[in-house]
Amino acid sequence: MIDKRRFDDAGTRTVTEDEQIRYTAEPRHKWVLVRKTKAEEKKTSSGIVIPGADFFINPGYQSQLGEIVFVPETVKDLKAGDLVLYTQFAQTFPDLEKLTGDPNLELVRDEEIFVNIKPKQ
């Protein structure tokens, strides 16, 4: 099947590689699309910056903070916009970044989301 957005009926390419077509990603089954938040950098007393210091200070720390972008209908207890802590071993795909234009998107199984963070009331 020919992608009508990139090729005409004769099969000639109508969109150059330089043009960027952005897509939305909608994971299937129990996969959740999460936008990871930027990790805070720690400084030592002498002013040396340690990127991702939480992992080095506490090697058992294997969670990340992120915002849910898309949740399939099969996952009932989460919704887009929720702030969550999830496993460090989420799936990152270069093609996903190229197609959506967002380098911070990761795919996570709903079982690997540990905490749904909600404001205190």
PDB file of N, CA and C in Angstrom:
ATOM      1  N   MET A   1       0.841  -1.176   0.000  1.00  0.00           N
ATOM      2  CA  MET A   1       0.000   0.000   0.000  1.00  0.00           C
ATOM      3  C   MET A   1       0.889   1.244   0.000  1.00  0.00           C
ATOM      4  N   ILE A   2       0.556   2.181  -0.833  1.00  0.00           N
ATOM      5  CA  ILE A   2       1.348   3.401  -0.962  1.00  0.00           C
ATOM      6  C   ILE A   2       0.810   4.462  -0.010  1.00  0.00           C
ATOM      7  N   ASP A   3       1.694   5.096   0.714  1.00  0.00           N
ATOM      8  CA  ASP A   3       1.323   6.177   1.623  1.00  0.00           C
ATOM      9  C   ASP A   3       1.004   7.412   0.780  1.00  0.00           C
ATOM     10  N   LYS A   4      -0.269   7.777   0.700  1.00  0.00           N
ATOM     11  CA  LYS A   4      -0.726   8.882  -0.153  1.00  0.00           C
ATOM     12  C   LYS A   4      -0.136  10.226   0.284  1.00  0.00           C
ATOM     13  N   ARG A   5       0.316  10.321   1.542  1.00  0.00           N
ATOM     14  CA  ARG A   5       0.873  11.585   2.005  1.00  0.00           C
ATOM     15  C   ARG A   5       2.296  11.787   1.495  1.00  0.00           C
ATOM     16  N   ARG A   6       2.959  10.724   1.052  1.00  0.00           N
ATOM     17  CA  ARG A   6       4.351  10.826   0.628  1.00  0.00           C
ATOM     18  C   ARG A   6       4.563  10.531  -0.854  1.00  0.00           C
ATOM     19  N   PHE A   7       3.639   9.830  -1.500  1.00  0.00           N
ATOM     20  CA  PHE A   7       3.793   9.432  -2.891  1.00  0.00           C
ATOM     21  C   PHE A   7       2.530   9.745  -3.673  1.00  0.00           C
ATOM     22  N   ASP A   8       2.690  10.074  -4.966  1.00  0.00           N
ATOM     23  CA  ASP A   8       1.507  10.272  -5.801  1.00  0.00           C
ATOM     24  C   ASP A   8       1.091   8.923  -6.388  1.00  0.00           C
ATOM     25  N   ASP A   9       0.064   8.922  -7.264  1.00  0.00           N
ATOM     26  CA  ASP A   9      -0.462   7.671  -7.818  1.00  0.00           C
ATOM     27  C   ASP A   9       0.557   6.926  -8.669  1.00  0.00           C
ATOM     28  N   ALA A  10       1.512   7.640  -9.263  1.00  0.00           N
ATOM     29  CA  ALA A  10       2.525   7.005 -10.099  1.00  0.00           C
ATOM     30  C   ALA A  10       3.677   6.432  -9.259  1.00  0.00           C
ATOM     31  N   GLY A  11       3.658   6.684  -7.961  1.00  0.00           N
ATOM     32  CA  GLY A  11       4.718   6.173  -7.103  1.00  0.00           C
ATOM     33  C   GLY A  11       5.891   7.130  -6.960  1.00  0.00           C
ATOM     34  N   THR A  12       5.751   8.355  -7.473  1.00  0.00           N
ATOM     35  CA  THR A  12       6.813   9.350  -7.357  1.00  0.00           C
ATOM     36  C   THR A  12       6.725  10.010  -5.989  1.00  0.00           C
ATOM     37  N   ARG A  13       7.879  10.185  -5.389  1.00  0.00           N
ATOM     38  CA  ARG A  13       7.927  10.776  -4.057  1.00  0.00           C
ATOM     39  C   ARG A  13       7.527  12.248  -4.122  1.00  0.00           C
ATOM     40  N   THR A  14       6.548  12.637  -3.302  1.00  0.00           N
ATOM     41  CA  THR A  14       6.076  14.015  -3.289  1.00  0.00           C
ATOM     42  C   THR A  14       6.592  14.796  -2.082  1.00  0.00           C
ATOM     43  N   VAL A  15       7.088  14.122  -1.081  1.00  0.00           N
ATOM     44  CA  VAL A  15       7.600  14.773   0.120  1.00  0.00           C
ATOM     45  C   VAL A  15       9.087  14.474   0.219  1.00  0.00           C
ATOM     46  N   THR A  16       9.896  15.519   0.361  1.00  0.00           N
ATOM     47  CA  THR A  16      11.338  15.300   0.487  1.00  0.00           C
ATOM     48  C   THR A  16      11.679  14.930   1.919  1.00  0.00           C
ATOM     49  N   GLU A  17      12.863  14.396   2.118  1.00  0.00           N
ATOM     50  CA  GLU A  17      13.307  14.001   3.447  1.00  0.00           C
ATOM     51  C   GLU A  17      13.432  15.202   4.372  1.00  0.00           C
ATOM     52  N   ASP A  18      13.694  16.391   3.791  1.00  0.00           N
ATOM     53  CA  ASP A  18      13.858  17.580   4.615  1.00  0.00           C
ATOM     54  C   ASP A  18      12.545  18.047   5.231  1.00  0.00           C
ATOM     55  N   GLU A  19      11.451  17.770   4.532  1.00  0.00           N
ATOM     56  CA  GLU A  19      10.148  18.143   5.077  1.00  0.00           C
ATOM     57  C   GLU A  19       9.811  17.193   6.213  1.00  0.00           C
ATOM     58  N   GLN A  20       9.300  17.752   7.294  1.00  0.00           N
ATOM     59  CA  GLN A  20       8.996  16.925   8.444  1.00  0.00           C
ATOM     60  C   GLN A  20       7.493  16.761   8.596  1.00  0.00           C
ATOM     61  N   ILE A  21       7.034  15.541   8.511  1.00  0.00           N
ATOM     62  CA  ILE A  21       5.644  15.222   8.777  1.00  0.00           C
ATOM     63  C   ILE A  21       5.604  14.655  10.183  1.00  0.00           C
ATOM     64  N   ARG A  22       4.801  15.242  11.058  1.00  0.00           N
ATOM     65  CA  ARG A  22       4.710  14.804  12.443  1.00  0.00           C
ATOM     66  C   ARG A  22       3.479  13.922  12.621  1.00  0.00           C
ATOM     67  N   TYR A  23       3.653  12.877  13.372  1.00  0.00           N
ATOM     68  CA  TYR A  23       2.590  11.919  13.636  1.00  0.00           C
ATOM     69  C   TYR A  23       2.282  11.897  15.123  1.00  0.00           C
ATOM     70  N   THR A  24       1.110  11.397  15.469  1.00  0.00           N
ATOM     71  CA  THR A  24       0.794  11.128  16.863  1.00  0.00           C
ATOM     72  C   THR A  24       0.959   9.632  17.083  1.00  0.00           C
ATOM     73  N   ALA A  25       1.351   9.261  18.265  1.00  0.00           N
ATOM     74  CA  ALA A  25       1.563   7.847  18.593  1.00  0.00           C
ATOM     75  C   ALA A  25       0.483   7.397  19.566  1.00  0.00           C
ATOM     76  N   GLU A  26      -0.144   6.276  19.264  1.00  0.00           N
ATOM     77  CA  GLU A  26      -1.155   5.696  20.143  1.00  0.00           C
ATOM     78  C   GLU A  26      -0.788   4.244  20.398  1.00  0.00           C
ATOM     79  N   PRO A  27      -0.174   3.954  21.543  1.00  0.00           N
ATOM     80  CA  PRO A  27       0.221   2.579  21.842  1.00  0.00           C
ATOM     81  C   PRO A  27      -0.991   1.660  21.980  1.00  0.00           C
ATOM     82  N   ARG A  28      -0.751   0.384  21.803  1.00  0.00           N
ATOM     83  CA  ARG A  28      -1.812  -0.609  21.847  1.00  0.00           C
ATOM     84  C   ARG A  28      -1.692  -1.468  23.089  1.00  0.00           C
ATOM     85  N   HIS A  29      -2.736  -2.231  23.334  1.00  0.00           N
ATOM     86  CA  HIS A  29      -2.831  -3.194  24.433  1.00  0.00           C
ATOM     87  C   HIS A  29      -2.584  -2.509  25.780  1.00  0.00           C
ATOM     88  N   LYS A  30      -1.569  -2.888  26.512  1.00  0.00           N
ATOM     89  CA  LYS A  30      -1.340  -2.320  27.844  1.00  0.00           C
ATOM     90  C   LYS A  30      -0.100  -1.440  27.883  1.00  0.00           C
ATOM     91  N   TRP A  31       0.316  -0.926  26.743  1.00  0.00           N
ATOM     92  CA  TRP A  31       1.452  -0.009  26.691  1.00  0.00           C
ATOM     93  C   TRP A  31       0.961   1.412  26.872  1.00  0.00           C
ATOM     94  N   VAL A  32       1.696   2.208  27.652  1.00  0.00           N
ATOM     95  CA  VAL A  32       1.352   3.590  27.945  1.00  0.00           C
ATOM     96  C   VAL A  32       2.463   4.477  27.401  1.00  0.00           C
ATOM     97  N   LEU A  33       2.103   5.584  26.777  1.00  0.00           N
ATOM     98  CA  LEU A  33       3.083   6.533  26.255  1.00  0.00           C
ATOM     99  C   LEU A  33       3.334   7.601  27.313  1.00  0.00           C
ATOM    100  N   VAL A  34       4.606   7.733  27.741  1.00  0.00           N
ATOM    101  CA  VAL A  34       4.981   8.643  28.821  1.00  0.00           C
ATOM    102  C   VAL A  34       6.034   9.622  28.311  1.00  0.00           C
ATOM    103  N   ARG A  35       5.880  10.892  28.684  1.00  0.00           N
ATOM    104  CA  ARG A  35       6.899  11.902  28.386  1.00  0.00           C
ATOM    105  C   ARG A  35       7.728  12.080  29.649  1.00  0.00           C
ATOM    106  N   LYS A  36       8.986  11.663  29.584  1.00  0.00           N
ATOM    107  CA  LYS A  36       9.824  11.751  30.780  1.00  0.00           C
ATOM    108  C   LYS A  36      10.177  13.198  31.089  1.00  0.00           C
ATOM    109  N   THR A  37      10.278  13.494  32.375  1.00  0.00           N
ATOM    110  CA  THR A  37      10.669  14.829  32.796  1.00  0.00           C
ATOM    111  C   THR A  37      12.182  14.864  32.915  1.00  0.00           C
ATOM    112  N   LYS A  38      12.728  16.052  32.860  1.00  0.00           N
ATOM    113  CA  LYS A  38      14.178  16.204  32.912  1.00  0.00           C
ATOM    114  C   LYS A  38      14.686  15.880  34.311  1.00  0.00           C
ATOM    115  N   ALA A  39      15.738  15.071  34.394  1.00  0.00           N
ATOM    116  CA  ALA A  39      16.329  14.702  35.675  1.00  0.00           C
ATOM    117  C   ALA A  39      17.071  15.886  36.268  1.00  0.00           C
ATOM    118  N   GLU A  40      16.960  16.024  37.569  1.00  0.00           N
ATOM    119  CA  GLU A  40      17.669  17.108  38.239  1.00  0.00           C
ATOM    120  C   GLU A  40      19.136  16.737  38.408  1.00  0.00           C
ATOM    121  N   GLU A  41      19.974  17.733  38.286  1.00  0.00           N
ATOM    122  CA  GLU A  41      21.406  17.517  38.490  1.00  0.00           C
ATOM    123  C   GLU A  41      21.768  17.920  39.907  1.00  0.00           C
ATOM    124  N   LYS A  42      22.639  17.155  40.525  1.00  0.00           N
ATOM    125  CA  LYS A  42      23.099  17.448  41.882  1.00  0.00           C
ATOM    126  C   LYS A  42      24.469  18.089  41.802  1.00  0.00           C
ATOM    127  N   LYS A  43      24.756  18.922  42.787  1.00  0.00           N
ATOM    128  CA  LYS A  43      26.074  19.538  42.875  1.00  0.00           C
ATOM    129  C   LYS A  43      26.744  19.100  44.169  1.00  0.00           C
ATOM    130  N   THR A  44      28.027  18.851  44.079  1.00  0.00           N
ATOM    131  CA  THR A  44      28.800  18.554  45.283  1.00  0.00           C
ATOM    132  C   THR A  44      29.098  19.863  45.996  1.00  0.00           C
ATOM    133  N   SER A  45      29.663  19.785  47.199  1.00  0.00           N
ATOM    134  CA  SER A  45      29.966  20.997  47.960  1.00  0.00           C
ATOM    135  C   SER A  45      31.005  21.863  47.244  1.00  0.00           C
ATOM    136  N   SER A  46      31.841  21.239  46.396  1.00  0.00           N
ATOM    137  CA  SER A  46      32.841  22.018  45.667  1.00  0.00           C
ATOM    138  C   SER A  46      32.303  22.560  44.339  1.00  0.00           C
ATOM    139  N   GLY A  47      31.018  22.264  44.014  1.00  0.00           N
ATOM    140  CA  GLY A  47      30.400  22.829  42.821  1.00  0.00           C
ATOM    141  C   GLY A  47      30.438  21.934  41.594  1.00  0.00           C
ATOM    142  N   ILE A  48      30.879  20.689  41.733  1.00  0.00           N
ATOM    143  CA  ILE A  48      30.914  19.764  40.599  1.00  0.00           C
ATOM    144  C   ILE A  48      29.503  19.235  40.357  1.00  0.00           C
ATOM    145  N   VAL A  49      29.052  19.326  39.109  1.00  0.00           N
ATOM    146  CA  VAL A  49      27.709  18.863  38.747  1.00  0.00           C
ATOM    147  C   VAL A  49      27.757  17.372  38.461  1.00  0.00           C
ATOM    148  N   ILE A  50      26.837  16.628  39.080  1.00  0.00           N
ATOM    149  CA  ILE A  50      26.736  15.181  38.865  1.00  0.00           C
ATOM    150  C   ILE A  50      25.400  14.922  38.184  1.00  0.00           C
ATOM    151  N   PRO A  51      25.389  14.720  36.839  1.00  0.00           N
ATOM    152  CA  PRO A  51      24.120  14.468  36.160  1.00  0.00           C
ATOM    153  C   PRO A  51      23.569  13.102  36.554  1.00  0.00           C
ATOM    154  N   GLY A  52      22.268  13.030  36.772  1.00  0.00           N
ATOM    155  CA  GLY A  52      21.638  11.767  37.146  1.00  0.00           C
ATOM    156  C   GLY A  52      22.176  11.230  38.450  1.00  0.00           C
ATOM    157  N   ALA A  53      22.446  12.094  39.389  1.00  0.00           N
ATOM    158  CA  ALA A  53      23.117  11.707  40.634  1.00  0.00           C
ATOM    159  C   ALA A  53      22.306  10.744  41.470  1.00  0.00           C
ATOM    160  N   ASP A  54      20.987  10.776  41.353  1.00  0.00           N
ATOM    161  CA  ASP A  54      20.177   9.874  42.165  1.00  0.00           C
ATOM    162  C   ASP A  54      20.572   8.424  41.943  1.00  0.00           C
ATOM    163  N   PHE A  55      20.907   8.079  40.715  1.00  0.00           N
ATOM    164  CA  PHE A  55      21.280   6.701  40.430  1.00  0.00           C
ATOM    165  C   PHE A  55      22.612   6.342  41.087  1.00  0.00           C
ATOM    166  N   PHE A  56      23.560   7.291  41.107  1.00  0.00           N
ATOM    167  CA  PHE A  56      24.872   6.999  41.670  1.00  0.00           C
ATOM    168  C   PHE A  56      24.860   7.032  43.197  1.00  0.00           C
ATOM    169  N   ILE A  57      24.040   7.911  43.768  1.00  0.00           N
ATOM    170  CA  ILE A  57      23.951   7.991  45.218  1.00  0.00           C
ATOM    171  C   ILE A  57      23.208   6.775  45.763  1.00  0.00           C
ATOM    172  N   ASN A  58      22.143   6.378  45.095  1.00  0.00           N
ATOM    173  CA  ASN A  58      21.344   5.233  45.516  1.00  0.00           C
ATOM    174  C   ASN A  58      21.167   4.307  44.315  1.00  0.00           C
ATOM    175  N   PRO A  59      22.086   3.330  44.118  1.00  0.00           N
ATOM    176  CA  PRO A  59      22.018   2.470  42.928  1.00  0.00           C
ATOM    177  C   PRO A  59      20.729   1.667  42.815  1.00  0.00           C
ATOM    178  N   GLY A  60      20.002   1.481  43.916  1.00  0.00           N
ATOM    179  CA  GLY A  60      18.734   0.772  43.854  1.00  0.00           C
ATOM    180  C   GLY A  60      17.628   1.623  43.262  1.00  0.00           C
ATOM    181  N   TYR A  61      17.883   2.910  43.104  1.00  0.00           N
ATOM    182  CA  TYR A  61      16.892   3.828  42.550  1.00  0.00           C
ATOM    183  C   TYR A  61      16.742   3.544  41.070  1.00  0.00           C
ATOM    184  N   GLN A  62      15.588   3.039  40.674  1.00  0.00           N
ATOM    185  CA  GLN A  62      15.376   2.709  39.273  1.00  0.00           C
ATOM    186  C   GLN A  62      14.022   3.210  38.791  1.00  0.00           C
ATOM    187  N   SER A  63      13.624   4.363  39.251  1.00  0.00           N
ATOM    188  CA  SER A  63      12.359   4.941  38.824  1.00  0.00           C
ATOM    189  C   SER A  63      12.609   6.239  38.088  1.00  0.00           C
ATOM    190  N   GLN A  64      11.610   6.652  37.342  1.00  0.00           N
ATOM    191  CA  GLN A  64      11.674   7.923  36.640  1.00  0.00           C
ATOM    192  C   GLN A  64      10.332   8.610  36.774  1.00  0.00           C
ATOM    193  N   LEU A  65      10.369   9.902  36.695  1.00  0.00           N
ATOM    194  CA  LEU A  65       9.160  10.703  36.775  1.00  0.00           C
ATOM    195  C   LEU A  65       8.757  11.122  35.371  1.00  0.00           C
ATOM    196  N   GLY A  66       7.468  11.029  35.064  1.00  0.00           N
ATOM    197  CA  GLY A  66       7.004  11.417  33.748  1.00  0.00           C
ATOM    198  C   GLY A  66       5.521  11.734  33.734  1.00  0.00           C
ATOM    199  N   GLU A  67       5.083  12.312  32.633  1.00  0.00           N
ATOM    200  CA  GLU A  67       3.673  12.653  32.436  1.00  0.00           C
ATOM    201  C   GLU A  67       3.102  11.741  31.360  1.00  0.00           C
ATOM    202  N   ILE A  68       1.946  11.190  31.617  1.00  0.00           N
ATOM    203  CA  ILE A  68       1.313  10.292  30.651  1.00  0.00           C
ATOM    204  C   ILE A  68       0.757  11.111  29.492  1.00  0.00           C
ATOM    205  N   VAL A  69       1.105  10.683  28.275  1.00  0.00           N
ATOM    206  CA  VAL A  69       0.648  11.358  27.066  1.00  0.00           C
ATOM    207  C   VAL A  69      -0.565  10.643  26.484  1.00  0.00           C
ATOM    208  N   PHE A  70      -0.516   9.309  26.444  1.00  0.00           N
ATOM    209  CA  PHE A  70      -1.623   8.533  25.870  1.00  0.00           C
ATOM    210  C   PHE A  70      -1.766   7.215  26.615  1.00  0.00           C
ATOM    211  N   VAL A  71      -3.018   6.850  26.891  1.00  0.00           N
ATOM    212  CA  VAL A  71      -3.334   5.584  27.547  1.00  0.00           C
ATOM    213  C   VAL A  71      -4.382   4.870  26.689  1.00  0.00           C
ATOM    214  N   PRO A  72      -4.167   3.595  26.333  1.00  0.00           N
ATOM    215  CA  PRO A  72      -5.200   2.882  25.576  1.00  0.00           C
ATOM    216  C   PRO A  72      -6.425   2.600  26.448  1.00  0.00           C
ATOM    217  N   GLU A  73      -7.531   2.272  25.804  1.00  0.00           N
ATOM    218  CA  GLU A  73      -8.781   2.019  26.520  1.00  0.00           C
ATOM    219  C   GLU A  73      -8.698   0.835  27.469  1.00  0.00           C
ATOM    220  N   THR A  74      -7.765  -0.072  27.236  1.00  0.00           N
ATOM    221  CA  THR A  74      -7.654  -1.269  28.076  1.00  0.00           C
ATOM    222  C   THR A  74      -7.104  -0.962  29.462  1.00  0.00           C
ATOM    223  N   VAL A  75      -6.487   0.208  29.644  1.00  0.00           N
ATOM    224  CA  VAL A  75      -5.949   0.602  30.953  1.00  0.00           C
ATOM    225  C   VAL A  75      -6.945   1.574  31.576  1.00  0.00           C
ATOM    226  N   LYS A  76      -7.572   1.175  32.673  1.00  0.00           N
ATOM    227  CA  LYS A  76      -8.678   1.949  33.241  1.00  0.00           C
ATOM    228  C   LYS A  76      -8.251   2.934  34.324  1.00  0.00           C
ATOM    229  N   ASP A  77      -7.185   2.680  35.075  1.00  0.00           N
ATOM    230  CA  ASP A  77      -6.874   3.495  36.247  1.00  0.00           C
ATOM    231  C   ASP A  77      -5.911   4.649  35.976  1.00  0.00           C
ATOM    232  N   LEU A  78      -5.517   4.863  34.731  1.00  0.00           N
ATOM    233  CA  LEU A  78      -4.624   5.969  34.381  1.00  0.00           C
ATOM    234  C   LEU A  78      -5.272   6.807  33.288  1.00  0.00           C
ATOM    235  N   LYS A  79      -4.860   8.087  33.213  1.00  0.00           N
ATOM    236  CA  LYS A  79      -5.379   8.941  32.143  1.00  0.00           C
ATOM    237  C   LYS A  79      -4.276   9.886  31.687  1.00  0.00           C
ATOM    238  N   ALA A  80      -4.438  10.446  30.511  1.00  0.00           N
ATOM    239  CA  ALA A  80      -3.462  11.397  29.976  1.00  0.00           C
ATOM    240  C   ALA A  80      -3.351  12.589  30.914  1.00  0.00           C
ATOM    241  N   GLY A  81      -2.116  13.043  31.153  1.00  0.00           N
ATOM    242  CA  GLY A  81      -1.869  14.163  32.032  1.00  0.00           C
ATOM    243  C   GLY A  81      -1.455  13.767  33.438  1.00  0.00           C
ATOM    244  N   ASP A  82      -1.638  12.484  33.807  1.00  0.00           N
ATOM    245  CA  ASP A  82      -1.228  12.020  35.137  1.00  0.00           C
ATOM    246  C   ASP A  82       0.283  12.065  35.274  1.00  0.00           C
ATOM    247  N   LEU A  83       0.749  12.418  36.457  1.00  0.00           N
ATOM    248  CA  LEU A  83       2.169  12.406  36.782  1.00  0.00           C
ATOM    249  C   LEU A  83       2.466  11.069  37.449  1.00  0.00           C
ATOM    250  N   VAL A  84       3.457  10.336  36.932  1.00  0.00           N
ATOM    251  CA  VAL A  84       3.718   8.977  37.428  1.00  0.00           C
ATOM    252  C   VAL A  84       5.206   8.729  37.641  1.00  0.00           C
ATOM    253  N   LEU A  85       5.501   7.777  38.515  1.00  0.00           N
ATOM    254  CA  LEU A  85       6.844   7.212  38.655  1.00  0.00           C
ATOM    255  C   LEU A  85       6.811   5.849  37.995  1.00  0.00           C
ATOM    256  N   TYR A  86       7.761   5.589  37.122  1.00  0.00           N
ATOM    257  CA  TYR A  86       7.765   4.339  36.376  1.00  0.00           C
ATOM    258  C   TYR A  86       9.179   3.775  36.298  1.00  0.00           C
ATOM    259  N   THR A  87       9.287   2.566  35.808  1.00  0.00           N
ATOM    260  CA  THR A  87      10.558   1.869  35.744  1.00  0.00           C
ATOM    261  C   THR A  87      11.581   2.614  34.897  1.00  0.00           C
ATOM    262  N   GLN A  88      12.843   2.436  35.246  1.00  0.00           N
ATOM    263  CA  GLN A  88      13.924   3.056  34.485  1.00  0.00           C
ATOM    264  C   GLN A  88      14.131   2.345  33.147  1.00  0.00           C
ATOM    265  N   PHE A  89      13.608   1.145  33.037  1.00  0.00           N
ATOM    266  CA  PHE A  89      13.854   0.332  31.853  1.00  0.00           C
ATOM    267  C   PHE A  89      12.707   0.431  30.853  1.00  0.00           C
ATOM    268  N   ALA A  90      12.245   1.641  30.603  1.00  0.00           N
ATOM    269  CA  ALA A  90      11.196   1.874  29.617  1.00  0.00           C
ATOM    270  C   ALA A  90      11.775   1.727  28.215  1.00  0.00           C
ATOM    271  N   GLN A  91      10.903   1.546  27.243  1.00  0.00           N
ATOM    272  CA  GLN A  91      11.316   1.369  25.854  1.00  0.00           C
ATOM    273  C   GLN A  91      11.420   2.716  25.153  1.00  0.00           C
ATOM    274  N   THR A  92      12.581   3.019  24.609  1.00  0.00           N
ATOM    275  CA  THR A  92      12.797   4.237  23.838  1.00  0.00           C
ATOM    276  C   THR A  92      13.131   3.833  22.402  1.00  0.00           C
ATOM    277  N   PHE A  93      12.466   4.459  21.435  1.00  0.00           N
ATOM    278  CA  PHE A  93      12.678   4.124  20.037  1.00  0.00           C
ATOM    279  C   PHE A  93      13.090   5.362  19.257  1.00  0.00           C
ATOM    280  N   PRO A  94      14.228   5.330  18.543  1.00  0.00           N
ATOM    281  CA  PRO A  94      14.628   6.480  17.720  1.00  0.00           C
ATOM    282  C   PRO A  94      13.585   6.822  16.662  1.00  0.00           C
ATOM    283  N   ASP A  95      12.912   5.820  16.111  1.00  0.00           N
ATOM    284  CA  ASP A  95      11.889   6.080  15.101  1.00  0.00           C
ATOM    285  C   ASP A  95      10.712   6.848  15.689  1.00  0.00           C
ATOM    286  N   LEU A  96      10.385   6.573  16.937  1.00  0.00           N
ATOM    287  CA  LEU A  96       9.297   7.293  17.598  1.00  0.00           C
ATOM    288  C   LEU A  96       9.647   8.765  17.732  1.00  0.00           C
ATOM    289  N   GLU A  97      10.891   9.045  18.071  1.00  0.00           N
ATOM    290  CA  GLU A  97      11.351  10.431  18.170  1.00  0.00           C
ATOM    291  C   GLU A  97      11.311  11.102  16.804  1.00  0.00           C
ATOM    292  N   LYS A  98      11.747  10.398  15.775  1.00  0.00           N
ATOM    293  CA  LYS A  98      11.792  10.963  14.433  1.00  0.00           C
ATOM    294  C   LYS A  98      10.380  11.267  13.914  1.00  0.00           C
ATOM    295  N   LEU A  99       9.431  10.390  14.169  1.00  0.00           N
ATOM    296  CA  LEU A  99       8.075  10.568  13.650  1.00  0.00           C
ATOM    297  C   LEU A  99       7.262  11.595  14.430  1.00  0.00           C
ATOM    298  N   THR A 100       7.457  11.670  15.740  1.00  0.00           N
ATOM    299  CA  THR A 100       6.665  12.589  16.555  1.00  0.00           C
ATOM    300  C   THR A 100       7.372  13.917  16.796  1.00  0.00           C
ATOM    301  N   GLY A 101       8.706  13.940  16.706  1.00  0.00           N
ATOM    302  CA  GLY A 101       9.464  15.149  16.972  1.00  0.00           C
ATOM    303  C   GLY A 101       9.712  15.392  18.445  1.00  0.00           C
ATOM    304  N   ASP A 102       9.340  14.436  19.303  1.00  0.00           N
ATOM    305  CA  ASP A 102       9.517  14.584  20.749  1.00  0.00           C
ATOM    306  C   ASP A 102      10.557  13.574  21.235  1.00  0.00           C
ATOM    307  N   PRO A 103      11.748  14.026  21.677  1.00  0.00           N
ATOM    308  CA  PRO A 103      12.792  13.092  22.089  1.00  0.00           C
ATOM    309  C   PRO A 103      12.562  12.482  23.464  1.00  0.00           C
ATOM    310  N   ASN A 104      11.541  12.925  24.194  1.00  0.00           N
ATOM    311  CA  ASN A 104      11.335  12.464  25.559  1.00  0.00           C
ATOM    312  C   ASN A 104      10.224  11.429  25.712  1.00  0.00           C
ATOM    313  N   LEU A 105       9.733  10.859  24.622  1.00  0.00           N
ATOM    314  CA  LEU A 105       8.657   9.875  24.705  1.00  0.00           C
ATOM    315  C   LEU A 105       9.207   8.487  24.953  1.00  0.00           C
ATOM    316  N   GLU A 106       8.556   7.764  25.856  1.00  0.00           N
ATOM    317  CA  GLU A 106       8.929   6.385  26.154  1.00  0.00           C
ATOM    318  C   GLU A 106       7.672   5.543  26.261  1.00  0.00           C
ATOM    319  N   LEU A 107       7.816   4.258  25.948  1.00  0.00           N
ATOM    320  CA  LEU A 107       6.717   3.315  26.095  1.00  0.00           C
ATOM    321  C   LEU A 107       6.945   2.498  27.358  1.00  0.00           C
ATOM    322  N   VAL A 108       5.893   2.391  28.176  1.00  0.00           N
ATOM    323  CA  VAL A 108       5.971   1.676  29.450  1.00  0.00           C
ATOM    324  C   VAL A 108       4.756   0.769  29.562  1.00  0.00           C
ATOM    325  N   ARG A 109       4.955  -0.464  30.043  1.00  0.00           N
ATOM    326  CA  ARG A 109       3.819  -1.338  30.337  1.00  0.00           C
ATOM    327  C   ARG A 109       3.091  -0.778  31.545  1.00  0.00           C
ATOM    328  N   ASP A 110       1.774  -0.884  31.586  1.00  0.00           N
ATOM    329  CA  ASP A 110       1.040  -0.307  32.716  1.00  0.00           C
ATOM    330  C   ASP A 110       1.429  -0.957  34.042  1.00  0.00           C
ATOM    331  N   GLU A 111       1.910  -2.208  34.016  1.00  0.00           N
ATOM    332  CA  GLU A 111       2.355  -2.873  35.244  1.00  0.00           C
ATOM    333  C   GLU A 111       3.650  -2.271  35.781  1.00  0.00           C
ATOM    334  N   GLU A 112       4.397  -1.557  34.932  1.00  0.00           N
ATOM    335  CA  GLU A 112       5.680  -0.986  35.331  1.00  0.00           C
ATOM    336  C   GLU A 112       5.553   0.469  35.778  1.00  0.00           C
ATOM    337  N   ILE A 113       4.326   0.959  35.907  1.00  0.00           N
ATOM    338  CA  ILE A 113       4.088   2.272  36.493  1.00  0.00           C
ATOM    339  C   ILE A 113       3.811   2.031  37.967  1.00  0.00           C
ATOM    340  N   PHE A 114       4.710   2.530  38.812  1.00  0.00           N
ATOM    341  CA  PHE A 114       4.666   2.215  40.228  1.00  0.00           C
ATOM    342  C   PHE A 114       3.755   3.136  41.024  1.00  0.00           C
ATOM    343  N   VAL A 115       3.778   4.439  40.720  1.00  0.00           N
ATOM    344  CA  VAL A 115       3.045   5.413  41.524  1.00  0.00           C
ATOM    345  C   VAL A 115       2.360   6.419  40.607  1.00  0.00           C
ATOM    346  N   ASN A 116       1.098   6.663  40.880  1.00  0.00           N
ATOM    347  CA  ASN A 116       0.349   7.733  40.219  1.00  0.00           C
ATOM    348  C   ASN A 116       0.329   8.888  41.209  1.00  0.00           C
ATOM    349  N   ILE A 117       1.008   9.980  40.895  1.00  0.00           N
ATOM    350  CA  ILE A 117       1.171  11.105  41.829  1.00  0.00           C
ATOM    351  C   ILE A 117       0.010  12.076  41.655  1.00  0.00           C
ATOM    352  N   LYS A 118      -0.682  12.358  42.762  1.00  0.00           N
ATOM    353  CA  LYS A 118      -1.816  13.265  42.731  1.00  0.00           C
ATOM    354  C   LYS A 118      -1.593  14.375  43.751  1.00  0.00           C
ATOM    355  N   PRO A 119      -2.145  15.569  43.513  1.00  0.00           N
ATOM    356  CA  PRO A 119      -1.965  16.666  44.474  1.00  0.00           C
ATOM    357  C   PRO A 119      -2.622  16.348  45.816  1.00  0.00           C
ATOM    358  N   LYS A 120      -1.989  16.824  46.873  1.00  0.00           N
ATOM    359  CA  LYS A 120      -2.514  16.634  48.217  1.00  0.00           C
ATOM    360  C   LYS A 120      -3.727  17.531  48.399  1.00  0.00           C
ATOM    361  N   GLN A 121      -4.766  17.002  49.044  1.00  0.00           N
ATOM    362  CA  GLN A 121      -5.989  17.793  49.214  1.00  0.00           C
ATOM    363  C   GLN A 121      -6.213  18.167  50.653  1.00  0.00           C
TER     364      GLN A 121
END
